[in-house]
Amino acid sequence: MEIKSSNWVVKPVWILFKDLKSEMRNRYALNTIVMFALTTLTVVSFSIGGFSLNSRITSSLFWLVIFFSSMSGLAQVFVKEEESKTVNLLKLTASPGTVLVGKLLFNLVLLLVLEVVIVPLFIIWMNLSILNLPLFFAVLLLGSLGLVCSTTIIAAIISKSHIKGALLAVLSFPILLPLLIAGIDGTRLSLESHDFSAGFGDLGLLGSYVVVMFTASILLFDFVWNE
């Protein structure tokens, strides 16, 4: 029992470091999402110019930048296994559950790196005044977890397809719509109000979304991985 429990800790961490080491060699996913994010932010900033936007539009732009930037890189977590022909080796060395958790951790690290770049630049370029920083970062954290849980299982599904890149955003958007709505509204509240409790509804929705998507991913991944 102790050996089985330790595998659920050791194997995902091993997969995480394997993917990080591979990413540090070629930096394909990291460079893709960061360059896409910087390009999008630059276009948005120049398009708006000196205009002052209301908090709802600003929040919508913020989450759209995160969504489309992440879509350009998070799919690679399974696609590169298919392209490098290492899928069968990974199946022999780790159980489906530990593979999923390891890939989730890698995508989370990738997304957090992206947000370290995006968030400060977005705040500076859009001249944002965030009244409620705890609510802002709580919404961002839960939204990021939900985004990673959804895109990782979808990335596993589309890795079997011949048109991998185009499918991730198409399949992810309907599934991520509740998360984006809650994230936009929660971010709007963090720009408008000092009251943390004002965001409890959105935080509850985002937390429930994370739990549902993580549970669904665990239940579905065994079938997807061994298909």
C-alpha atoms as a PDB file:
ATOM      1  CA  MET A   1       0.000   0.000   0.000  1.00  0.00           C
ATOM      2  CA  GLU A   2       2.873   2.351   0.859  1.00  0.00           C
ATOM      3  CA  ILE A   3       4.587   1.557  -2.457  1.00  0.00           C
ATOM      4  CA  LYS A   4       1.406   2.271  -4.407  1.00  0.00           C
ATOM      5  CA  SER A   5       0.888   5.543  -2.532  1.00  0.00           C
ATOM      6  CA  SER A   6       4.467   6.636  -3.128  1.00  0.00           C
ATOM      7  CA  ASN A   7       4.078   5.950  -6.865  1.00  0.00           C
ATOM      8  CA  TRP A   8       1.327   8.569  -6.973  1.00  0.00           C
ATOM      9  CA  VAL A   9       3.832  11.077  -5.652  1.00  0.00           C
ATOM     10  CA  VAL A  10       7.071   9.956  -7.312  1.00  0.00           C
ATOM     11  CA  LYS A  11       5.817   9.119 -10.827  1.00  0.00           C
ATOM     12  CA  PRO A  12       3.961  12.404 -11.481  1.00  0.00           C
ATOM     13  CA  VAL A  13       6.984  14.378 -10.228  1.00  0.00           C
ATOM     14  CA  TRP A  14       9.254  12.259 -12.449  1.00  0.00           C
ATOM     15  CA  ILE A  15       7.038  12.963 -15.462  1.00  0.00           C
ATOM     16  CA  LEU A  16       6.984  16.666 -14.567  1.00  0.00           C
ATOM     17  CA  PHE A  17      10.784  16.892 -14.450  1.00  0.00           C
ATOM     18  CA  LYS A  18      11.104  14.821 -17.637  1.00  0.00           C
ATOM     19  CA  ASP A  19       8.857  17.276 -19.479  1.00  0.00           C
ATOM     20  CA  LEU A  20      10.574  20.298 -17.953  1.00  0.00           C
ATOM     21  CA  LYS A  21      13.973  18.962 -19.021  1.00  0.00           C
ATOM     22  CA  SER A  22      12.669  18.346 -22.539  1.00  0.00           C
ATOM     23  CA  GLU A  23      11.098  21.819 -22.669  1.00  0.00           C
ATOM     24  CA  MET A  24      14.312  23.493 -21.511  1.00  0.00           C
ATOM     25  CA  ARG A  25      16.135  21.872 -24.435  1.00  0.00           C
ATOM     26  CA  ASN A  26      13.866  23.140 -27.208  1.00  0.00           C
ATOM     27  CA  ARG A  27      11.562  25.655 -25.441  1.00  0.00           C
ATOM     28  CA  TYR A  28       8.945  25.179 -28.147  1.00  0.00           C
ATOM     29  CA  ALA A  29       5.819  25.452 -25.993  1.00  0.00           C
ATOM     30  CA  LEU A  30       7.243  28.168 -23.742  1.00  0.00           C
ATOM     31  CA  ASN A  31       8.435  30.357 -26.602  1.00  0.00           C
ATOM     32  CA  THR A  32       5.148  29.863 -28.442  1.00  0.00           C
ATOM     33  CA  ILE A  33       2.864  30.937 -25.614  1.00  0.00           C
ATOM     34  CA  VAL A  34       5.053  33.837 -24.479  1.00  0.00           C
ATOM     35  CA  MET A  35       5.482  35.251 -27.996  1.00  0.00           C
ATOM     36  CA  PHE A  36       1.770  34.840 -28.724  1.00  0.00           C
ATOM     37  CA  ALA A  37       0.922  36.597 -25.454  1.00  0.00           C
ATOM     38  CA  LEU A  38       3.321  39.489 -26.099  1.00  0.00           C
ATOM     39  CA  THR A  39       2.030  39.921 -29.648  1.00  0.00           C
ATOM     40  CA  THR A  40      -1.591  39.914 -28.476  1.00  0.00           C
ATOM     41  CA  LEU A  41      -0.898  42.355 -25.655  1.00  0.00           C
ATOM     42  CA  THR A  42       0.941  44.694 -28.013  1.00  0.00           C
ATOM     43  CA  VAL A  43      -1.910  44.648 -30.551  1.00  0.00           C
ATOM     44  CA  VAL A  44      -4.530  45.244 -27.845  1.00  0.00           C
ATOM     45  CA  SER A  45      -2.502  48.066 -26.292  1.00  0.00           C
ATOM     46  CA  PHE A  46      -1.953  49.896 -29.594  1.00  0.00           C
ATOM     47  CA  SER A  47      -5.575  49.356 -30.684  1.00  0.00           C
ATOM     48  CA  ILE A  48      -6.956  50.892 -27.515  1.00  0.00           C
ATOM     49  CA  GLY A  49      -4.479  53.762 -27.488  1.00  0.00           C
ATOM     50  CA  GLY A  50      -5.417  56.375 -24.899  1.00  0.00           C
ATOM     51  CA  PHE A  51      -9.018  55.233 -24.506  1.00  0.00           C
ATOM     52  CA  SER A  52     -10.240  54.314 -21.042  1.00  0.00           C
ATOM     53  CA  LEU A  53     -12.145  50.998 -20.936  1.00  0.00           C
ATOM     54  CA  ASN A  54     -14.663  49.947 -18.328  1.00  0.00           C
ATOM     55  CA  SER A  55     -13.784  47.101 -15.963  1.00  0.00           C
ATOM     56  CA  ARG A  56     -15.937  44.485 -17.726  1.00  0.00           C
ATOM     57  CA  ILE A  57     -14.252  45.002 -21.103  1.00  0.00           C
ATOM     58  CA  THR A  58     -10.815  45.089 -19.478  1.00  0.00           C
ATOM     59  CA  SER A  59     -11.511  41.823 -17.613  1.00  0.00           C
ATOM     60  CA  SER A  60     -12.763  40.208 -20.811  1.00  0.00           C
ATOM     61  CA  LEU A  61      -9.616  41.202 -22.689  1.00  0.00           C
ATOM     62  CA  PHE A  62      -7.458  39.879 -19.835  1.00  0.00           C
ATOM     63  CA  TRP A  63      -8.997  36.404 -19.905  1.00  0.00           C
ATOM     64  CA  LEU A  64      -9.105  36.269 -23.693  1.00  0.00           C
ATOM     65  CA  VAL A  65      -5.360  36.952 -23.818  1.00  0.00           C
ATOM     66  CA  ILE A  66      -4.743  34.149 -21.291  1.00  0.00           C
ATOM     67  CA  PHE A  67      -7.088  31.757 -23.118  1.00  0.00           C
ATOM     68  CA  PHE A  68      -5.691  32.170 -26.625  1.00  0.00           C
ATOM     69  CA  SER A  69      -2.072  32.349 -25.461  1.00  0.00           C
ATOM     70  CA  SER A  70      -2.372  29.134 -23.458  1.00  0.00           C
ATOM     71  CA  MET A  71      -4.097  27.343 -26.330  1.00  0.00           C
ATOM     72  CA  SER A  72      -0.975  27.805 -28.454  1.00  0.00           C
ATOM     73  CA  GLY A  73       1.229  25.802 -26.081  1.00  0.00           C
ATOM     74  CA  LEU A  74      -0.660  23.564 -23.656  1.00  0.00           C
ATOM     75  CA  ALA A  75      -1.627  21.038 -26.350  1.00  0.00           C
ATOM     76  CA  GLN A  76       2.025  20.094 -26.830  1.00  0.00           C
ATOM     77  CA  VAL A  77       2.095  18.108 -23.580  1.00  0.00           C
ATOM     78  CA  PHE A  78       0.746  14.986 -25.340  1.00  0.00           C
ATOM     79  CA  VAL A  79       1.418  15.884 -28.959  1.00  0.00           C
ATOM     80  CA  LYS A  80       5.181  15.753 -28.425  1.00  0.00           C
ATOM     81  CA  GLU A  81       4.860  12.243 -26.922  1.00  0.00           C
ATOM     82  CA  GLU A  82       3.070  11.097 -30.085  1.00  0.00           C
ATOM     83  CA  GLU A  83       5.545  12.805 -32.400  1.00  0.00           C
ATOM     84  CA  SER A  84       8.639  11.503 -30.608  1.00  0.00           C
ATOM     85  CA  LYS A  85       7.158   7.979 -30.407  1.00  0.00           C
ATOM     86  CA  THR A  86       7.598   7.807 -26.613  1.00  0.00           C
ATOM     87  CA  VAL A  87       3.946   7.055 -25.814  1.00  0.00           C
ATOM     88  CA  ASN A  88       4.413   3.293 -25.517  1.00  0.00           C
ATOM     89  CA  LEU A  89       7.440   3.697 -23.251  1.00  0.00           C
ATOM     90  CA  LEU A  90       5.462   6.036 -21.000  1.00  0.00           C
ATOM     91  CA  LYS A  91       2.606   3.526 -20.866  1.00  0.00           C
ATOM     92  CA  LEU A  92       5.026   0.840 -19.680  1.00  0.00           C
ATOM     93  CA  THR A  93       6.631   2.958 -16.965  1.00  0.00           C
ATOM     94  CA  ALA A  94       3.628   4.757 -15.407  1.00  0.00           C
ATOM     95  CA  SER A  95      -0.064   4.201 -14.780  1.00  0.00           C
ATOM     96  CA  PRO A  96      -2.596   6.406 -16.630  1.00  0.00           C
ATOM     97  CA  GLY A  97      -3.479   8.313 -13.466  1.00  0.00           C
ATOM     98  CA  THR A  98       0.097   9.255 -12.671  1.00  0.00           C
ATOM     99  CA  VAL A  99       0.707  10.268 -16.297  1.00  0.00           C
ATOM    100  CA  LEU A 100      -2.294  12.603 -16.163  1.00  0.00           C
ATOM    101  CA  VAL A 101      -1.214  14.199 -12.882  1.00  0.00           C
ATOM    102  CA  GLY A 102       2.347  14.671 -14.180  1.00  0.00           C
ATOM    103  CA  LYS A 103       1.099  16.306 -17.366  1.00  0.00           C
ATOM    104  CA  LEU A 104      -1.292  18.491 -15.351  1.00  0.00           C
ATOM    105  CA  LEU A 105       1.608  19.697 -13.218  1.00  0.00           C
ATOM    106  CA  PHE A 106       3.709  20.478 -16.299  1.00  0.00           C
ATOM    107  CA  ASN A 107       0.903  22.461 -17.931  1.00  0.00           C
ATOM    108  CA  LEU A 108       0.314  24.307 -14.657  1.00  0.00           C
ATOM    109  CA  VAL A 109       3.980  25.316 -14.473  1.00  0.00           C
ATOM    110  CA  LEU A 110       3.842  26.429 -18.115  1.00  0.00           C
ATOM    111  CA  LEU A 111       0.702  28.493 -17.507  1.00  0.00           C
ATOM    112  CA  LEU A 112       2.120  30.098 -14.352  1.00  0.00           C
ATOM    113  CA  VAL A 113       5.255  31.131 -16.267  1.00  0.00           C
ATOM    114  CA  LEU A 114       3.004  32.641 -18.934  1.00  0.00           C
ATOM    115  CA  GLU A 115       1.026  34.565 -16.305  1.00  0.00           C
ATOM    116  CA  VAL A 116       4.203  35.868 -14.659  1.00  0.00           C
ATOM    117  CA  VAL A 117       4.877  37.564 -18.002  1.00  0.00           C
ATOM    118  CA  ILE A 118       1.308  38.516 -18.942  1.00  0.00           C
ATOM    119  CA  VAL A 119      -0.144  39.865 -15.702  1.00  0.00           C
ATOM    120  CA  PRO A 120       2.416  42.616 -14.912  1.00  0.00           C
ATOM    121  CA  LEU A 121       2.543  43.752 -18.542  1.00  0.00           C
ATOM    122  CA  PHE A 122      -1.242  43.793 -18.829  1.00  0.00           C
ATOM    123  CA  ILE A 123      -1.546  45.845 -15.630  1.00  0.00           C
ATOM    124  CA  ILE A 124       1.092  48.342 -16.818  1.00  0.00           C
ATOM    125  CA  TRP A 125       0.019  48.655 -20.451  1.00  0.00           C
ATOM    126  CA  MET A 126      -3.702  48.846 -19.649  1.00  0.00           C
ATOM    127  CA  ASN A 127      -3.054  51.158 -16.688  1.00  0.00           C
ATOM    128  CA  LEU A 128      -5.107  48.933 -14.387  1.00  0.00           C
ATOM    129  CA  SER A 129      -6.017  49.902 -10.858  1.00  0.00           C
ATOM    130  CA  ILE A 130      -6.806  46.709  -8.905  1.00  0.00           C
ATOM    131  CA  LEU A 131      -8.767  47.536  -5.757  1.00  0.00           C
ATOM    132  CA  ASN A 132      -8.856  43.974  -4.409  1.00  0.00           C
ATOM    133  CA  LEU A 133      -5.576  42.139  -5.012  1.00  0.00           C
ATOM    134  CA  PRO A 134      -6.470  39.036  -2.889  1.00  0.00           C
ATOM    135  CA  LEU A 135      -9.653  38.503  -4.941  1.00  0.00           C
ATOM    136  CA  PHE A 136      -7.800  39.145  -8.206  1.00  0.00           C
ATOM    137  CA  PHE A 137      -5.148  36.507  -7.484  1.00  0.00           C
ATOM    138  CA  ALA A 138      -7.663  34.024  -6.036  1.00  0.00           C
ATOM    139  CA  VAL A 139      -9.711  34.223  -9.252  1.00  0.00           C
ATOM    140  CA  LEU A 140      -6.540  33.948 -11.342  1.00  0.00           C
ATOM    141  CA  LEU A 141      -5.317  30.870  -9.411  1.00  0.00           C
ATOM    142  CA  LEU A 142      -8.618  28.969  -9.548  1.00  0.00           C
ATOM    143  CA  GLY A 143      -9.126  29.979 -13.173  1.00  0.00           C
ATOM    144  CA  SER A 144      -5.643  28.713 -14.034  1.00  0.00           C
ATOM    145  CA  LEU A 145      -6.290  25.371 -12.317  1.00  0.00           C
ATOM    146  CA  GLY A 146      -9.569  24.968 -14.208  1.00  0.00           C
ATOM    147  CA  LEU A 147      -7.918  25.928 -17.483  1.00  0.00           C
ATOM    148  CA  VAL A 148      -5.156  23.362 -16.976  1.00  0.00           C
ATOM    149  CA  CYS A 149      -7.553  20.549 -15.964  1.00  0.00           C
ATOM    150  CA  SER A 150      -9.697  21.120 -19.058  1.00  0.00           C
ATOM    151  CA  THR A 151      -6.996  21.624 -21.654  1.00  0.00           C
ATOM    152  CA  THR A 152      -4.851  18.697 -20.494  1.00  0.00           C
ATOM    153  CA  ILE A 153      -7.550  16.051 -21.003  1.00  0.00           C
ATOM    154  CA  ILE A 154      -8.568  17.674 -24.312  1.00  0.00           C
ATOM    155  CA  ALA A 155      -4.901  17.712 -25.384  1.00  0.00           C
ATOM    156  CA  ALA A 156      -4.777  13.958 -24.714  1.00  0.00           C
ATOM    157  CA  ILE A 157      -7.815  13.460 -26.945  1.00  0.00           C
ATOM    158  CA  ILE A 158      -6.619  15.596 -29.862  1.00  0.00           C
ATOM    159  CA  SER A 159      -3.102  14.099 -29.798  1.00  0.00           C
ATOM    160  CA  LYS A 160      -4.625  11.159 -31.691  1.00  0.00           C
ATOM    161  CA  SER A 161      -5.867  13.487 -34.452  1.00  0.00           C
ATOM    162  CA  HIS A 162      -4.071  14.642 -37.608  1.00  0.00           C
ATOM    163  CA  ILE A 163      -5.044  18.318 -37.127  1.00  0.00           C
ATOM    164  CA  LYS A 164      -3.911  18.717 -33.539  1.00  0.00           C
ATOM    165  CA  GLY A 165      -3.222  22.434 -33.291  1.00  0.00           C
ATOM    166  CA  ALA A 166      -6.518  23.661 -34.703  1.00  0.00           C
ATOM    167  CA  LEU A 167      -8.659  21.384 -32.581  1.00  0.00           C
ATOM    168  CA  LEU A 168      -7.596  22.444 -29.078  1.00  0.00           C
ATOM    169  CA  ALA A 169      -9.146  25.929 -29.127  1.00  0.00           C
ATOM    170  CA  VAL A 170     -12.258  24.681 -30.946  1.00  0.00           C
ATOM    171  CA  LEU A 171     -12.939  21.858 -28.483  1.00  0.00           C
ATOM    172  CA  SER A 172     -11.840  23.795 -25.397  1.00  0.00           C
ATOM    173  CA  PHE A 173     -13.913  26.943 -25.806  1.00  0.00           C
ATOM    174  CA  PRO A 174     -17.395  25.434 -25.140  1.00  0.00           C
ATOM    175  CA  ILE A 175     -16.033  23.510 -22.153  1.00  0.00           C
ATOM    176  CA  LEU A 176     -14.167  26.537 -20.800  1.00  0.00           C
ATOM    177  CA  LEU A 177     -17.058  28.980 -21.291  1.00  0.00           C
ATOM    178  CA  PRO A 178     -18.348  28.709 -17.662  1.00  0.00           C
ATOM    179  CA  LEU A 179     -14.804  29.208 -16.374  1.00  0.00           C
ATOM    180  CA  LEU A 180     -14.228  32.239 -18.613  1.00  0.00           C
ATOM    181  CA  ILE A 181     -17.532  33.823 -17.555  1.00  0.00           C
ATOM    182  CA  ALA A 182     -16.774  33.341 -13.853  1.00  0.00           C
ATOM    183  CA  GLY A 183     -13.169  34.466 -14.323  1.00  0.00           C
ATOM    184  CA  ILE A 184     -14.204  37.626 -16.168  1.00  0.00           C
ATOM    185  CA  ASP A 185     -16.838  38.504 -13.570  1.00  0.00           C
ATOM    186  CA  GLY A 186     -14.523  37.785 -10.634  1.00  0.00           C
ATOM    187  CA  THR A 187     -11.758  39.884 -12.184  1.00  0.00           C
ATOM    188  CA  ARG A 188     -14.246  42.702 -12.793  1.00  0.00           C
ATOM    189  CA  LEU A 189     -15.251  42.657  -9.120  1.00  0.00           C
ATOM    190  CA  SER A 190     -11.590  42.807  -8.074  1.00  0.00           C
ATOM    191  CA  LEU A 191     -11.244  45.996 -10.136  1.00  0.00           C
ATOM    192  CA  GLU A 192     -14.399  47.597  -8.747  1.00  0.00           C
ATOM    193  CA  SER A 193     -14.697  46.577  -5.091  1.00  0.00           C
ATOM    194  CA  HIS A 194     -12.586  46.275  -1.950  1.00  0.00           C
ATOM    195  CA  ASP A 195     -14.982  43.655  -0.564  1.00  0.00           C
ATOM    196  CA  PHE A 196     -13.507  40.147  -0.933  1.00  0.00           C
ATOM    197  CA  SER A 197     -16.865  38.522  -0.127  1.00  0.00           C
ATOM    198  CA  ALA A 198     -18.329  40.085  -3.285  1.00  0.00           C
ATOM    199  CA  GLY A 199     -16.432  37.445  -5.267  1.00  0.00           C
ATOM    200  CA  PHE A 200     -17.564  34.401  -3.247  1.00  0.00           C
ATOM    201  CA  GLY A 201     -20.067  33.379  -5.929  1.00  0.00           C
ATOM    202  CA  ASP A 202     -17.477  33.410  -8.717  1.00  0.00           C
ATOM    203  CA  LEU A 203     -14.846  31.735  -6.532  1.00  0.00           C
ATOM    204  CA  GLY A 204     -17.336  29.001  -5.622  1.00  0.00           C
ATOM    205  CA  LEU A 205     -18.147  28.431  -9.292  1.00  0.00           C
ATOM    206  CA  LEU A 206     -14.452  28.317 -10.232  1.00  0.00           C
ATOM    207  CA  GLY A 207     -13.663  25.923  -7.360  1.00  0.00           C
ATOM    208  CA  SER A 208     -16.541  23.623  -8.349  1.00  0.00           C
ATOM    209  CA  TYR A 209     -15.392  23.722 -11.963  1.00  0.00           C
ATOM    210  CA  VAL A 210     -11.877  22.631 -10.963  1.00  0.00           C
ATOM    211  CA  VAL A 211     -13.216  19.704  -8.909  1.00  0.00           C
ATOM    212  CA  VAL A 212     -15.601  18.556 -11.652  1.00  0.00           C
ATOM    213  CA  MET A 213     -13.037  18.803 -14.441  1.00  0.00           C
ATOM    214  CA  PHE A 214     -10.287  17.094 -12.438  1.00  0.00           C
ATOM    215  CA  THR A 215     -12.643  14.237 -11.491  1.00  0.00           C
ATOM    216  CA  ALA A 216     -13.874  13.886 -15.071  1.00  0.00           C
ATOM    217  CA  SER A 217     -10.282  13.868 -16.342  1.00  0.00           C
ATOM    218  CA  ILE A 218      -9.276  11.090 -13.949  1.00  0.00           C
ATOM    219  CA  LEU A 219     -12.305   9.011 -14.952  1.00  0.00           C
ATOM    220  CA  LEU A 220     -11.868   9.518 -18.713  1.00  0.00           C
ATOM    221  CA  PHE A 221      -8.105   9.459 -19.052  1.00  0.00           C
ATOM    222  CA  ASP A 222      -7.664   5.697 -18.693  1.00  0.00           C
ATOM    223  CA  PHE A 223      -9.864   5.141 -21.748  1.00  0.00           C
ATOM    224  CA  VAL A 224      -8.258   7.983 -23.751  1.00  0.00           C
ATOM    225  CA  TRP A 225      -4.691   6.956 -22.893  1.00  0.00           C
ATOM    226  CA  ASN A 226      -5.147   3.296 -23.818  1.00  0.00           C
ATOM    227  CA  GLU A 227      -7.227   3.937 -26.933  1.00  0.00           C
END
